[in-house]
Amino acid sequence: MIVLGIESSCDETGIALYDTTCGLLGHALHSQIRMHAEYGGVVPELASRDHIRRVLPLTEQVLRESGHTLEDIDAIAYTQGPGLAGALLVGTSIAEALAFTLDIPAIGVHHLEGHLLAPLLEDNPPAFPFVALLVSGGHTQLMRVSGIGEYELLGDTLDDAAGEAFDKTAKLLGLEYPGGPAVSRLAEQGRASTLKLPRPMLNSGNLDFSFSGLKTAVLTASQGKTAREDIAYAFQEAVVEVLTTKCTHALEQTGLDRLIVSGGVGANKRLRESLNRAAIKHRFEVAYPRLEFCTDNGAMIAFAGAMRLKHLQAGNHAFTVRPRWDLAELTAP
C-alpha cells in the first residue's frame, strides 16, 4: 500500500510517499522560517497562504522523483490536528479533495502521533513497548507506548514546553528566530560558571514538567552582567538535566528499558549526549529519528497514516480539523 502524507500544521509544508512494503519512497519539505523570521514568530495567516502555494508543487515533486503518479497512490494521510486551524484546513482540503477524486481512503493523523512514530522509520526501528519523550515547541510529554494507538500519558508540562522555553530565552538574549537552534549555538560558546539556573520540578516525585520559572530566571540573569553565552549554556544544561532525569525515572516506574525521543528539541545535540550517557549508566536503549524527521515533516504523517490504514477498510472523508487534540484521546485502530 502506497500512502501520500501531507503535513501542514504550522510553518512547514511536508509531503512524503510511504510504501508499506518498500518503506519511504520520497519526501520533500518547505520551511517558512525566513518568512516568519521578520516577525519574530509564526504569523498564522501567512503560514496558511504559503501552504496553499506549496502543497501541490511539492506533491508533484515527490511523485516525480519517486517515479510514481497519483494513480499509484492507495491512500492519503494528512495532519488533522493539533495545529493552526487555517494551516490544517489547507492540508485537509487538498487531501480530501484528492482522495475523493481518486476514490481512495483519506485519514486524518494526529500530529503528535506522527512525531511519536517517527523513529520507526529507521532501518532498525525500536520494538514496542517503549517510553516516548515528545519534546517540541508546544509539547513536552512522557508517554508509555504499547502499540499503535496504545498511548498512556505519564507526564506533561504544566506551563511552557521545553521548546517554548528555548524560544522565549532566545528573545530575552536578543537572538534570531527560530530560538531553539540559536540558543544551542550560543551555548556552545558558553562555559560553566557561577550562574546556576533552577531545575524546575526535578525532585517533584512525578513525571510532570515546568519551564516557566526557568524562563523567569533567565530574564533575571540577562539583566545582570553575566555573558549571554554563559546564560545560554546554563539554560540548556538546566533543560537537559530535567529531561534526562525525568526520562530515567519514567523507565524506572514503568519497568521498561527502551526510550525513544521525538520532536524538534529531540535534535538538540546536548540532549542526545546526555541521554546516551544515561542509557549506558542505567542500561536502557535510546532511539531517535534522523535529524530531518525531528521537526515537522510529511514522512511521519505518511507512516502514521499507513500504520492505521493497515487496520481500516476506508477513510470517512469527514473534512474536519482539530486545532486542539489530546494525544491520549487516540485509540488503537
C-alpha atoms as a PDB file:
ATOM      1  CA  MET A   1       0.000   0.000   0.000  1.00  0.00           C
ATOM      2  CA  ILE A   2       1.385   3.383  -1.038  1.00  0.00           C
ATOM      3  CA  VAL A   3       0.343   6.316   1.169  1.00  0.00           C
ATOM      4  CA  LEU A   4       0.770  10.005   0.393  1.00  0.00           C
ATOM      5  CA  GLY A   5       1.419  12.055   3.535  1.00  0.00           C
ATOM      6  CA  ILE A   6       0.630  15.774   3.864  1.00  0.00           C
ATOM      7  CA  GLU A   7       1.838  17.841   6.838  1.00  0.00           C
ATOM      8  CA  SER A   8       0.662  21.462   7.197  1.00  0.00           C
ATOM      9  CA  SER A   9       0.085  22.017  10.906  1.00  0.00           C
ATOM     10  CA  CYS A  10       2.256  25.093  11.370  1.00  0.00           C
ATOM     11  CA  ASP A  11       5.121  26.661   9.406  1.00  0.00           C
ATOM     12  CA  GLU A  12       6.460  23.749   7.372  1.00  0.00           C
ATOM     13  CA  THR A  13       4.875  22.062   4.385  1.00  0.00           C
ATOM     14  CA  GLY A  14       5.850  18.398   4.253  1.00  0.00           C
ATOM     15  CA  ILE A  15       4.982  15.829   1.594  1.00  0.00           C
ATOM     16  CA  ALA A  16       6.039  12.175   1.534  1.00  0.00           C
ATOM     17  CA  LEU A  17       5.267   8.869  -0.117  1.00  0.00           C
ATOM     18  CA  TYR A  18       5.438   5.735   2.016  1.00  0.00           C
ATOM     19  CA  ASP A  19       5.103   2.130   0.849  1.00  0.00           C
ATOM     20  CA  THR A  20       4.187  -0.454   3.494  1.00  0.00           C
ATOM     21  CA  THR A  21       6.319  -2.978   1.589  1.00  0.00           C
ATOM     22  CA  CYS A  22       9.312  -0.935   0.438  1.00  0.00           C
ATOM     23  CA  GLY A  23       9.402   1.834   3.056  1.00  0.00           C
ATOM     24  CA  LEU A  24       9.848   5.544   2.417  1.00  0.00           C
ATOM     25  CA  LEU A  25       9.832   6.264  -1.321  1.00  0.00           C
ATOM     26  CA  GLY A  26      10.480  10.001  -1.161  1.00  0.00           C
ATOM     27  CA  HIS A  27       9.781  13.193   0.743  1.00  0.00           C
ATOM     28  CA  ALA A  28      10.128  16.959   0.409  1.00  0.00           C
ATOM     29  CA  LEU A  29       9.833  19.846   2.830  1.00  0.00           C
ATOM     30  CA  HIS A  30       9.445  23.590   2.568  1.00  0.00           C
ATOM     31  CA  SER A  31      10.189  25.649   5.673  1.00  0.00           C
ATOM     32  CA  GLN A  32       8.694  29.100   6.213  1.00  0.00           C
ATOM     33  CA  ILE A  33      11.393  30.172   8.675  1.00  0.00           C
ATOM     34  CA  ARG A  34      12.717  33.037   6.533  1.00  0.00           C
ATOM     35  CA  MET A  35       9.231  34.451   6.021  1.00  0.00           C
ATOM     36  CA  HIS A  36       8.326  34.402   9.722  1.00  0.00           C
ATOM     37  CA  ALA A  37      11.758  35.493  10.961  1.00  0.00           C
ATOM     38  CA  GLU A  38      10.909  39.084  10.070  1.00  0.00           C
ATOM     39  CA  TYR A  39       8.100  38.975  12.638  1.00  0.00           C
ATOM     40  CA  GLY A  40       9.951  37.034  15.325  1.00  0.00           C
ATOM     41  CA  GLY A  41       7.443  34.173  15.235  1.00  0.00           C
ATOM     42  CA  VAL A  42       4.818  32.391  13.171  1.00  0.00           C
ATOM     43  CA  VAL A  43       2.068  34.543  11.631  1.00  0.00           C
ATOM     44  CA  PRO A  44      -0.878  32.135  11.144  1.00  0.00           C
ATOM     45  CA  GLU A  45      -2.444  33.852   8.124  1.00  0.00           C
ATOM     46  CA  LEU A  46       0.863  33.991   6.265  1.00  0.00           C
ATOM     47  CA  ALA A  47       1.522  30.359   7.138  1.00  0.00           C
ATOM     48  CA  SER A  48      -1.832  29.268   5.691  1.00  0.00           C
ATOM     49  CA  ARG A  49      -1.321  31.175   2.459  1.00  0.00           C
ATOM     50  CA  ASP A  50       2.125  29.725   1.970  1.00  0.00           C
ATOM     51  CA  HIS A  51       0.844  26.166   2.460  1.00  0.00           C
ATOM     52  CA  ILE A  52      -1.636  26.802  -0.366  1.00  0.00           C
ATOM     53  CA  ARG A  53       1.251  27.710  -2.655  1.00  0.00           C
ATOM     54  CA  ARG A  54       3.430  24.748  -1.682  1.00  0.00           C
ATOM     55  CA  VAL A  55       1.347  21.571  -1.232  1.00  0.00           C
ATOM     56  CA  LEU A  56       0.623  20.680  -4.856  1.00  0.00           C
ATOM     57  CA  PRO A  57       4.076  21.576  -6.299  1.00  0.00           C
ATOM     58  CA  LEU A  58       5.760  19.559  -3.539  1.00  0.00           C
ATOM     59  CA  THR A  59       3.393  16.648  -4.178  1.00  0.00           C
ATOM     60  CA  GLU A  60       4.253  16.710  -7.865  1.00  0.00           C
ATOM     61  CA  GLN A  61       7.960  16.834  -6.982  1.00  0.00           C
ATOM     62  CA  VAL A  62       7.801  13.821  -4.664  1.00  0.00           C
ATOM     63  CA  LEU A  63       5.789  11.784  -7.170  1.00  0.00           C
ATOM     64  CA  ARG A  64       8.142  12.666  -9.994  1.00  0.00           C
ATOM     65  CA  GLU A  65      11.320  11.939  -8.047  1.00  0.00           C
ATOM     66  CA  SER A  66       9.971   8.605  -6.781  1.00  0.00           C
ATOM     67  CA  GLY A  67       8.813   7.527 -10.233  1.00  0.00           C
ATOM     68  CA  HIS A  68       5.121   7.395  -9.328  1.00  0.00           C
ATOM     69  CA  THR A  69       1.875   9.088 -10.328  1.00  0.00           C
ATOM     70  CA  LEU A  70      -1.304   9.962  -8.473  1.00  0.00           C
ATOM     71  CA  GLU A  71      -2.886   6.786  -9.826  1.00  0.00           C
ATOM     72  CA  ASP A  72      -0.332   4.723  -7.881  1.00  0.00           C
ATOM     73  CA  ILE A  73      -1.477   6.101  -4.523  1.00  0.00           C
ATOM     74  CA  ASP A  74      -3.662   3.796  -2.434  1.00  0.00           C
ATOM     75  CA  ALA A  75      -4.475   6.262   0.369  1.00  0.00           C
ATOM     76  CA  ILE A  76      -3.782   9.765   1.639  1.00  0.00           C
ATOM     77  CA  ALA A  77      -2.832  10.688   5.217  1.00  0.00           C
ATOM     78  CA  TYR A  78      -2.892  14.285   6.411  1.00  0.00           C
ATOM     79  CA  THR A  79      -2.377  16.159   9.655  1.00  0.00           C
ATOM     80  CA  GLN A  80      -5.819  16.736  11.161  1.00  0.00           C
ATOM     81  CA  GLY A  81      -4.520  18.361  14.331  1.00  0.00           C
ATOM     82  CA  PRO A  82      -3.359  19.801  16.601  1.00  0.00           C
ATOM     83  CA  GLY A  83      -2.004  22.950  14.984  1.00  0.00           C
ATOM     84  CA  LEU A  84      -3.019  26.254  13.423  1.00  0.00           C
ATOM     85  CA  ALA A  85      -6.624  25.978  12.226  1.00  0.00           C
ATOM     86  CA  GLY A  86      -6.050  27.723   8.893  1.00  0.00           C
ATOM     87  CA  ALA A  87      -2.915  25.763   8.122  1.00  0.00           C
ATOM     88  CA  LEU A  88      -4.640  22.477   8.981  1.00  0.00           C
ATOM     89  CA  LEU A  89      -7.545  23.372   6.699  1.00  0.00           C
ATOM     90  CA  VAL A  90      -5.197  23.711   3.738  1.00  0.00           C
ATOM     91  CA  GLY A  91      -3.772  20.221   4.084  1.00  0.00           C
ATOM     92  CA  THR A  92      -7.144  18.711   4.946  1.00  0.00           C
ATOM     93  CA  SER A  93      -8.987  20.242   1.983  1.00  0.00           C
ATOM     94  CA  ILE A  94      -6.343  19.210  -0.535  1.00  0.00           C
ATOM     95  CA  ALA A  95      -6.019  15.692   0.892  1.00  0.00           C
ATOM     96  CA  GLU A  96      -9.760  15.086   0.995  1.00  0.00           C
ATOM     97  CA  ALA A  97     -10.295  16.538  -2.490  1.00  0.00           C
ATOM     98  CA  LEU A  98      -7.555  14.329  -3.971  1.00  0.00           C
ATOM     99  CA  ALA A  99      -8.830  11.262  -2.140  1.00  0.00           C
ATOM    100  CA  PHE A 100     -12.400  11.871  -3.299  1.00  0.00           C
ATOM    101  CA  THR A 101     -11.289  12.378  -6.890  1.00  0.00           C
ATOM    102  CA  LEU A 102      -9.085   9.271  -6.877  1.00  0.00           C
ATOM    103  CA  ASP A 103     -11.706   7.259  -4.937  1.00  0.00           C
ATOM    104  CA  ILE A 104      -9.210   6.189  -2.277  1.00  0.00           C
ATOM    105  CA  PRO A 105      -9.249   6.389   1.542  1.00  0.00           C
ATOM    106  CA  ALA A 106      -8.135   9.508   3.405  1.00  0.00           C
ATOM    107  CA  ILE A 107      -7.258   9.526   7.078  1.00  0.00           C
ATOM    108  CA  GLY A 108      -6.600  12.382   9.471  1.00  0.00           C
ATOM    109  CA  VAL A 109      -3.471  11.842  11.560  1.00  0.00           C
ATOM    110  CA  HIS A 110      -2.662  13.264  14.982  1.00  0.00           C
ATOM    111  CA  HIS A 111       0.446  15.409  14.588  1.00  0.00           C
ATOM    112  CA  LEU A 112       1.999  14.117  17.796  1.00  0.00           C
ATOM    113  CA  GLU A 113       1.366  10.513  16.819  1.00  0.00           C
ATOM    114  CA  GLY A 114       3.421  11.277  13.729  1.00  0.00           C
ATOM    115  CA  HIS A 115       6.291  12.516  15.894  1.00  0.00           C
ATOM    116  CA  LEU A 116       5.825   9.595  18.271  1.00  0.00           C
ATOM    117  CA  LEU A 117       6.237   7.040  15.484  1.00  0.00           C
ATOM    118  CA  ALA A 118       8.973   8.847  13.515  1.00  0.00           C
ATOM    119  CA  PRO A 119      11.810   6.706  14.967  1.00  0.00           C
ATOM    120  CA  LEU A 120      10.083   3.653  13.467  1.00  0.00           C
ATOM    121  CA  LEU A 121      11.042   4.955  10.022  1.00  0.00           C
ATOM    122  CA  GLU A 122      14.666   3.995  10.686  1.00  0.00           C
ATOM    123  CA  ASP A 123      16.307   0.795   9.422  1.00  0.00           C
ATOM    124  CA  ASN A 124      16.353  -0.752  12.899  1.00  0.00           C
ATOM    125  CA  PRO A 125      13.156   0.567  14.486  1.00  0.00           C
ATOM    126  CA  PRO A 126      12.595   0.183  18.234  1.00  0.00           C
ATOM    127  CA  ALA A 127      10.113  -2.500  19.238  1.00  0.00           C
ATOM    128  CA  PHE A 128       7.021  -1.945  21.367  1.00  0.00           C
ATOM    129  CA  PRO A 129       6.602  -1.265  24.226  1.00  0.00           C
ATOM    130  CA  PHE A 130       8.694   1.804  24.997  1.00  0.00           C
ATOM    131  CA  VAL A 131       8.669   5.139  26.789  1.00  0.00           C
ATOM    132  CA  ALA A 132       8.477   8.140  24.473  1.00  0.00           C
ATOM    133  CA  LEU A 133       9.643  11.676  25.186  1.00  0.00           C
ATOM    134  CA  LEU A 134       7.725  14.081  22.956  1.00  0.00           C
ATOM    135  CA  VAL A 135       9.607  17.335  23.214  1.00  0.00           C
ATOM    136  CA  SER A 136       8.852  20.226  20.866  1.00  0.00           C
ATOM    137  CA  GLY A 137       7.815  23.859  20.715  1.00  0.00           C
ATOM    138  CA  GLY A 138       4.330  23.165  22.001  1.00  0.00           C
ATOM    139  CA  HIS A 139       4.618  19.889  23.882  1.00  0.00           C
ATOM    140  CA  THR A 140       6.761  18.192  26.500  1.00  0.00           C
ATOM    141  CA  GLN A 141       5.254  14.841  27.396  1.00  0.00           C
ATOM    142  CA  LEU A 142       6.289  11.398  28.514  1.00  0.00           C
ATOM    143  CA  MET A 143       4.177   8.544  27.147  1.00  0.00           C
ATOM    144  CA  ARG A 144       4.112   4.797  27.588  1.00  0.00           C
ATOM    145  CA  VAL A 145       3.644   3.343  24.103  1.00  0.00           C
ATOM    146  CA  SER A 146       2.429  -0.255  23.921  1.00  0.00           C
ATOM    147  CA  GLY A 147       1.464  -0.244  20.236  1.00  0.00           C
ATOM    148  CA  ILE A 148      -0.189   1.840  17.510  1.00  0.00           C
ATOM    149  CA  GLY A 149      -2.868   3.869  19.266  1.00  0.00           C
ATOM    150  CA  GLU A 150      -1.982   2.470  22.685  1.00  0.00           C
ATOM    151  CA  TYR A 151      -0.642   5.534  24.493  1.00  0.00           C
ATOM    152  CA  GLU A 152      -0.630   6.265  28.207  1.00  0.00           C
ATOM    153  CA  LEU A 153       0.290   9.756  29.393  1.00  0.00           C
ATOM    154  CA  LEU A 154       2.924   9.561  32.139  1.00  0.00           C
ATOM    155  CA  GLY A 155       3.887  13.207  32.488  1.00  0.00           C
ATOM    156  CA  ASP A 156       3.060  16.550  30.906  1.00  0.00           C
ATOM    157  CA  THR A 157       4.188  20.145  31.082  1.00  0.00           C
ATOM    158  CA  LEU A 158       2.221  22.338  33.462  1.00  0.00           C
ATOM    159  CA  ASP A 159       3.078  25.544  31.604  1.00  0.00           C
ATOM    160  CA  ASP A 160       5.735  26.261  28.977  1.00  0.00           C
ATOM    161  CA  ALA A 161       7.009  23.365  26.886  1.00  0.00           C
ATOM    162  CA  ALA A 162      10.773  22.961  26.563  1.00  0.00           C
ATOM    163  CA  GLY A 163      10.715  24.307  23.011  1.00  0.00           C
ATOM    164  CA  GLU A 164       8.753  27.371  24.141  1.00  0.00           C
ATOM    165  CA  ALA A 165      11.325  27.979  26.850  1.00  0.00           C
ATOM    166  CA  PHE A 166      14.088  27.849  24.239  1.00  0.00           C
ATOM    167  CA  ASP A 167      12.239  30.340  22.012  1.00  0.00           C
ATOM    168  CA  LYS A 168      11.497  32.748  24.855  1.00  0.00           C
ATOM    169  CA  THR A 169      15.060  32.525  26.122  1.00  0.00           C
ATOM    170  CA  ALA A 170      16.272  33.382  22.632  1.00  0.00           C
ATOM    171  CA  LYS A 171      14.152  36.540  22.641  1.00  0.00           C
ATOM    172  CA  LEU A 172      15.440  37.532  26.077  1.00  0.00           C
ATOM    173  CA  LEU A 173      19.009  37.123  24.803  1.00  0.00           C
ATOM    174  CA  GLY A 174      18.332  39.049  21.597  1.00  0.00           C
ATOM    175  CA  LEU A 175      18.744  36.038  19.306  1.00  0.00           C
ATOM    176  CA  GLU A 176      17.067  35.434  15.975  1.00  0.00           C
ATOM    177  CA  TYR A 177      14.072  33.220  15.191  1.00  0.00           C
ATOM    178  CA  PRO A 178      13.815  30.228  15.477  1.00  0.00           C
ATOM    179  CA  GLY A 179      15.088  30.382  19.019  1.00  0.00           C
ATOM    180  CA  GLY A 180      15.974  26.772  19.803  1.00  0.00           C
ATOM    181  CA  PRO A 181      18.871  26.326  17.370  1.00  0.00           C
ATOM    182  CA  ALA A 182      20.090  29.862  18.097  1.00  0.00           C
ATOM    183  CA  VAL A 183      20.305  29.238  21.848  1.00  0.00           C
ATOM    184  CA  SER A 184      22.072  25.905  21.270  1.00  0.00           C
ATOM    185  CA  ARG A 185      24.675  27.524  19.018  1.00  0.00           C
ATOM    186  CA  LEU A 186      25.315  30.298  21.541  1.00  0.00           C
ATOM    187  CA  ALA A 187      25.541  27.763  24.382  1.00  0.00           C
ATOM    188  CA  GLU A 188      28.457  26.075  22.603  1.00  0.00           C
ATOM    189  CA  GLN A 189      30.457  29.264  23.231  1.00  0.00           C
ATOM    190  CA  GLY A 190      29.483  29.401  26.900  1.00  0.00           C
ATOM    191  CA  ARG A 191      31.162  27.914  29.923  1.00  0.00           C
ATOM    192  CA  ALA A 192      30.193  26.549  33.273  1.00  0.00           C
ATOM    193  CA  SER A 193      30.328  29.467  35.679  1.00  0.00           C
ATOM    194  CA  THR A 194      28.894  30.606  38.957  1.00  0.00           C
ATOM    195  CA  LEU A 195      25.496  31.005  37.261  1.00  0.00           C
ATOM    196  CA  LYS A 196      23.244  28.149  38.373  1.00  0.00           C
ATOM    197  CA  LEU A 197      19.728  28.204  36.970  1.00  0.00           C
ATOM    198  CA  PRO A 198      16.869  26.271  38.638  1.00  0.00           C
ATOM    199  CA  ARG A 199      15.867  22.761  37.603  1.00  0.00           C
ATOM    200  CA  PRO A 200      12.063  23.060  37.884  1.00  0.00           C
ATOM    201  CA  MET A 201      10.271  20.006  39.307  1.00  0.00           C
ATOM    202  CA  LEU A 202      13.440  17.928  39.158  1.00  0.00           C
ATOM    203  CA  ASN A 203      12.583  16.323  42.508  1.00  0.00           C
ATOM    204  CA  SER A 204       8.793  16.635  42.307  1.00  0.00           C
ATOM    205  CA  GLY A 205       8.218  12.913  42.706  1.00  0.00           C
ATOM    206  CA  ASN A 206       6.196  12.766  39.476  1.00  0.00           C
ATOM    207  CA  LEU A 207       6.913  12.937  35.751  1.00  0.00           C
ATOM    208  CA  ASP A 208       5.464  16.386  35.044  1.00  0.00           C
ATOM    209  CA  PHE A 209       7.454  19.363  33.760  1.00  0.00           C
ATOM    210  CA  SER A 210       7.511  23.123  34.276  1.00  0.00           C
ATOM    211  CA  PHE A 211       9.763  25.570  32.452  1.00  0.00           C
ATOM    212  CA  SER A 212       8.164  28.981  33.069  1.00  0.00           C
ATOM    213  CA  GLY A 213      10.226  29.542  36.217  1.00  0.00           C
ATOM    214  CA  LEU A 214      13.397  28.756  34.316  1.00  0.00           C
ATOM    215  CA  LYS A 215      12.466  31.376  31.743  1.00  0.00           C
ATOM    216  CA  THR A 216      11.982  33.920  34.540  1.00  0.00           C
ATOM    217  CA  ALA A 217      15.409  33.045  35.944  1.00  0.00           C
ATOM    218  CA  VAL A 218      16.918  33.691  32.514  1.00  0.00           C
ATOM    219  CA  LEU A 219      15.226  37.103  32.457  1.00  0.00           C
ATOM    220  CA  THR A 220      16.778  37.985  35.809  1.00  0.00           C
ATOM    221  CA  ALA A 221      20.226  36.774  34.724  1.00  0.00           C
ATOM    222  CA  SER A 222      20.030  38.693  31.437  1.00  0.00           C
ATOM    223  CA  GLN A 223      19.568  41.942  33.363  1.00  0.00           C
ATOM    224  CA  GLY A 224      22.857  41.429  35.158  1.00  0.00           C
ATOM    225  CA  LYS A 225      26.462  41.205  33.989  1.00  0.00           C
ATOM    226  CA  THR A 226      26.571  37.528  33.029  1.00  0.00           C
ATOM    227  CA  ALA A 227      27.628  36.974  29.413  1.00  0.00           C
ATOM    228  CA  ARG A 228      24.888  35.874  27.009  1.00  0.00           C
ATOM    229  CA  GLU A 229      26.721  32.716  26.026  1.00  0.00           C
ATOM    230  CA  ASP A 230      27.079  31.689  29.682  1.00  0.00           C
ATOM    231  CA  ILE A 231      23.346  32.238  30.252  1.00  0.00           C
ATOM    232  CA  ALA A 232      22.564  30.138  27.173  1.00  0.00           C
ATOM    233  CA  TYR A 233      24.900  27.414  28.440  1.00  0.00           C
ATOM    234  CA  ALA A 234      23.323  27.393  31.913  1.00  0.00           C
ATOM    235  CA  PHE A 235      19.818  27.398  30.469  1.00  0.00           C
ATOM    236  CA  GLN A 236      20.467  24.481  28.136  1.00  0.00           C
ATOM    237  CA  GLU A 237      22.141  22.493  30.912  1.00  0.00           C
ATOM    238  CA  ALA A 238      19.094  23.005  33.148  1.00  0.00           C
ATOM    239  CA  VAL A 239      16.633  21.832  30.479  1.00  0.00           C
ATOM    240  CA  VAL A 240      18.773  18.842  29.529  1.00  0.00           C
ATOM    241  CA  GLU A 241      19.183  17.725  33.147  1.00  0.00           C
ATOM    242  CA  VAL A 242      15.441  17.890  33.806  1.00  0.00           C
ATOM    243  CA  LEU A 243      14.550  15.992  30.621  1.00  0.00           C
ATOM    244  CA  THR A 244      17.201  13.324  31.178  1.00  0.00           C
ATOM    245  CA  THR A 245      16.250  12.788  34.814  1.00  0.00           C
ATOM    246  CA  LYS A 246      12.521  12.545  34.080  1.00  0.00           C
ATOM    247  CA  CYS A 247      13.140  10.068  31.241  1.00  0.00           C
ATOM    248  CA  THR A 248      15.217   7.877  33.544  1.00  0.00           C
ATOM    249  CA  HIS A 249      12.506   7.988  36.206  1.00  0.00           C
ATOM    250  CA  ALA A 250       9.835   7.109  33.634  1.00  0.00           C
ATOM    251  CA  LEU A 251      11.749   3.999  32.605  1.00  0.00           C
ATOM    252  CA  GLU A 252      12.190   3.003  36.231  1.00  0.00           C
ATOM    253  CA  GLN A 253       8.498   3.491  37.026  1.00  0.00           C
ATOM    254  CA  THR A 254       7.252   1.553  34.003  1.00  0.00           C
ATOM    255  CA  GLY A 255       9.878  -1.175  34.200  1.00  0.00           C
ATOM    256  CA  LEU A 256      10.724  -0.648  30.530  1.00  0.00           C
ATOM    257  CA  ASP A 257      14.235  -0.468  29.090  1.00  0.00           C
ATOM    258  CA  ARG A 258      13.575   1.308  25.813  1.00  0.00           C
ATOM    259  CA  LEU A 259      13.257   5.084  25.222  1.00  0.00           C
ATOM    260  CA  ILE A 260      12.505   6.978  22.037  1.00  0.00           C
ATOM    261  CA  VAL A 261      12.856  10.752  21.675  1.00  0.00           C
ATOM    262  CA  SER A 262      10.795  12.723  19.155  1.00  0.00           C
ATOM    263  CA  GLY A 263      10.072  16.344  18.301  1.00  0.00           C
ATOM    264  CA  GLY A 264      12.173  19.345  17.375  1.00  0.00           C
ATOM    265  CA  VAL A 265      14.043  19.596  20.685  1.00  0.00           C
ATOM    266  CA  GLY A 266      14.985  15.953  20.181  1.00  0.00           C
ATOM    267  CA  ALA A 267      17.512  17.202  17.640  1.00  0.00           C
ATOM    268  CA  ASN A 268      19.394  19.068  20.368  1.00  0.00           C
ATOM    269  CA  LYS A 269      22.964  17.762  20.421  1.00  0.00           C
ATOM    270  CA  ARG A 270      23.468  18.286  24.144  1.00  0.00           C
ATOM    271  CA  LEU A 271      20.243  16.436  24.997  1.00  0.00           C
ATOM    272  CA  ARG A 272      21.269  13.465  22.881  1.00  0.00           C
ATOM    273  CA  GLU A 273      24.692  13.347  24.530  1.00  0.00           C
ATOM    274  CA  SER A 274      23.109  13.386  27.982  1.00  0.00           C
ATOM    275  CA  LEU A 275      20.550  10.689  27.174  1.00  0.00           C
ATOM    276  CA  ASN A 276      23.199   8.493  25.533  1.00  0.00           C
ATOM    277  CA  ARG A 277      25.310   8.673  28.697  1.00  0.00           C
ATOM    278  CA  ALA A 278      22.279   7.923  30.855  1.00  0.00           C
ATOM    279  CA  ALA A 279      21.450   4.923  28.660  1.00  0.00           C
ATOM    280  CA  ILE A 280      24.883   3.447  29.300  1.00  0.00           C
ATOM    281  CA  LYS A 281      24.751   4.159  33.025  1.00  0.00           C
ATOM    282  CA  HIS A 282      21.224   2.847  33.587  1.00  0.00           C
ATOM    283  CA  ARG A 283      21.303   0.153  30.903  1.00  0.00           C
ATOM    284  CA  PHE A 284      18.471   1.127  28.631  1.00  0.00           C
ATOM    285  CA  GLU A 285      18.183   1.636  24.877  1.00  0.00           C
ATOM    286  CA  VAL A 286      17.512   5.052  23.364  1.00  0.00           C
ATOM    287  CA  ALA A 287      16.445   5.762  19.789  1.00  0.00           C
ATOM    288  CA  TYR A 288      15.949   8.967  17.813  1.00  0.00           C
ATOM    289  CA  PRO A 289      14.549   9.794  14.387  1.00  0.00           C
ATOM    290  CA  ARG A 290      17.102  11.115  11.927  1.00  0.00           C
ATOM    291  CA  LEU A 291      17.555  14.871  12.282  1.00  0.00           C
ATOM    292  CA  GLU A 292      15.416  15.716   9.253  1.00  0.00           C
ATOM    293  CA  PHE A 293      12.474  13.883  10.843  1.00  0.00           C
ATOM    294  CA  CYS A 294      12.726  15.562  14.263  1.00  0.00           C
ATOM    295  CA  THR A 295      10.948  18.678  13.046  1.00  0.00           C
ATOM    296  CA  ASP A 296       7.592  18.621  11.237  1.00  0.00           C
ATOM    297  CA  ASN A 297       7.650  16.525   8.055  1.00  0.00           C
ATOM    298  CA  GLY A 298       5.425  14.556   5.720  1.00  0.00           C
ATOM    299  CA  ALA A 299       7.218  11.239   6.208  1.00  0.00           C
ATOM    300  CA  MET A 300       5.994  10.798   9.780  1.00  0.00           C
ATOM    301  CA  ILE A 301       2.416  11.588   8.705  1.00  0.00           C
ATOM    302  CA  ALA A 302       2.532   9.149   5.798  1.00  0.00           C
ATOM    303  CA  PHE A 303       3.935   6.444   8.081  1.00  0.00           C
ATOM    304  CA  ALA A 304       1.442   7.029  10.907  1.00  0.00           C
ATOM    305  CA  GLY A 305      -1.419   7.018   8.397  1.00  0.00           C
ATOM    306  CA  ALA A 306      -0.151   3.810   6.808  1.00  0.00           C
ATOM    307  CA  MET A 307       0.033   2.081  10.172  1.00  0.00           C
ATOM    308  CA  ARG A 308      -3.573   2.988  10.925  1.00  0.00           C
ATOM    309  CA  LEU A 309      -4.901   2.255   7.435  1.00  0.00           C
ATOM    310  CA  LYS A 310      -3.478  -1.260   7.586  1.00  0.00           C
ATOM    311  CA  HIS A 311      -6.255  -1.927  10.103  1.00  0.00           C
ATOM    312  CA  LEU A 312      -9.028   0.125   8.492  1.00  0.00           C
ATOM    313  CA  GLN A 313     -11.253  -0.557   5.467  1.00  0.00           C
ATOM    314  CA  ALA A 314     -11.602   3.061   4.280  1.00  0.00           C
ATOM    315  CA  GLY A 315     -11.405   6.683   5.315  1.00  0.00           C
ATOM    316  CA  ASN A 316     -14.594   8.558   6.092  1.00  0.00           C
ATOM    317  CA  HIS A 317     -13.921  11.877   4.287  1.00  0.00           C
ATOM    318  CA  ALA A 318     -15.088  13.772   7.376  1.00  0.00           C
ATOM    319  CA  PHE A 319     -13.301  17.009   6.389  1.00  0.00           C
ATOM    320  CA  THR A 320     -12.684  18.234   9.909  1.00  0.00           C
ATOM    321  CA  VAL A 321      -9.668  19.728  11.640  1.00  0.00           C
ATOM    322  CA  ARG A 322      -8.804  19.589  15.336  1.00  0.00           C
ATOM    323  CA  PRO A 323      -6.565  22.530  16.328  1.00  0.00           C
ATOM    324  CA  ARG A 324      -6.696  21.187  19.906  1.00  0.00           C
ATOM    325  CA  TRP A 325      -6.446  17.434  20.224  1.00  0.00           C
ATOM    326  CA  ASP A 326      -5.183  15.400  23.160  1.00  0.00           C
ATOM    327  CA  LEU A 327      -2.990  12.510  22.069  1.00  0.00           C
ATOM    328  CA  ALA A 328      -4.407  10.411  24.903  1.00  0.00           C
ATOM    329  CA  GLU A 329      -7.783  10.503  23.102  1.00  0.00           C
ATOM    330  CA  LEU A 330      -6.447   8.282  20.329  1.00  0.00           C
ATOM    331  CA  THR A 331      -7.386   4.635  20.384  1.00  0.00           C
ATOM    332  CA  ALA A 332      -5.844   1.596  18.778  1.00  0.00           C
ATOM    333  CA  PRO A 333      -7.050   1.079  15.192  1.00  0.00           C
END
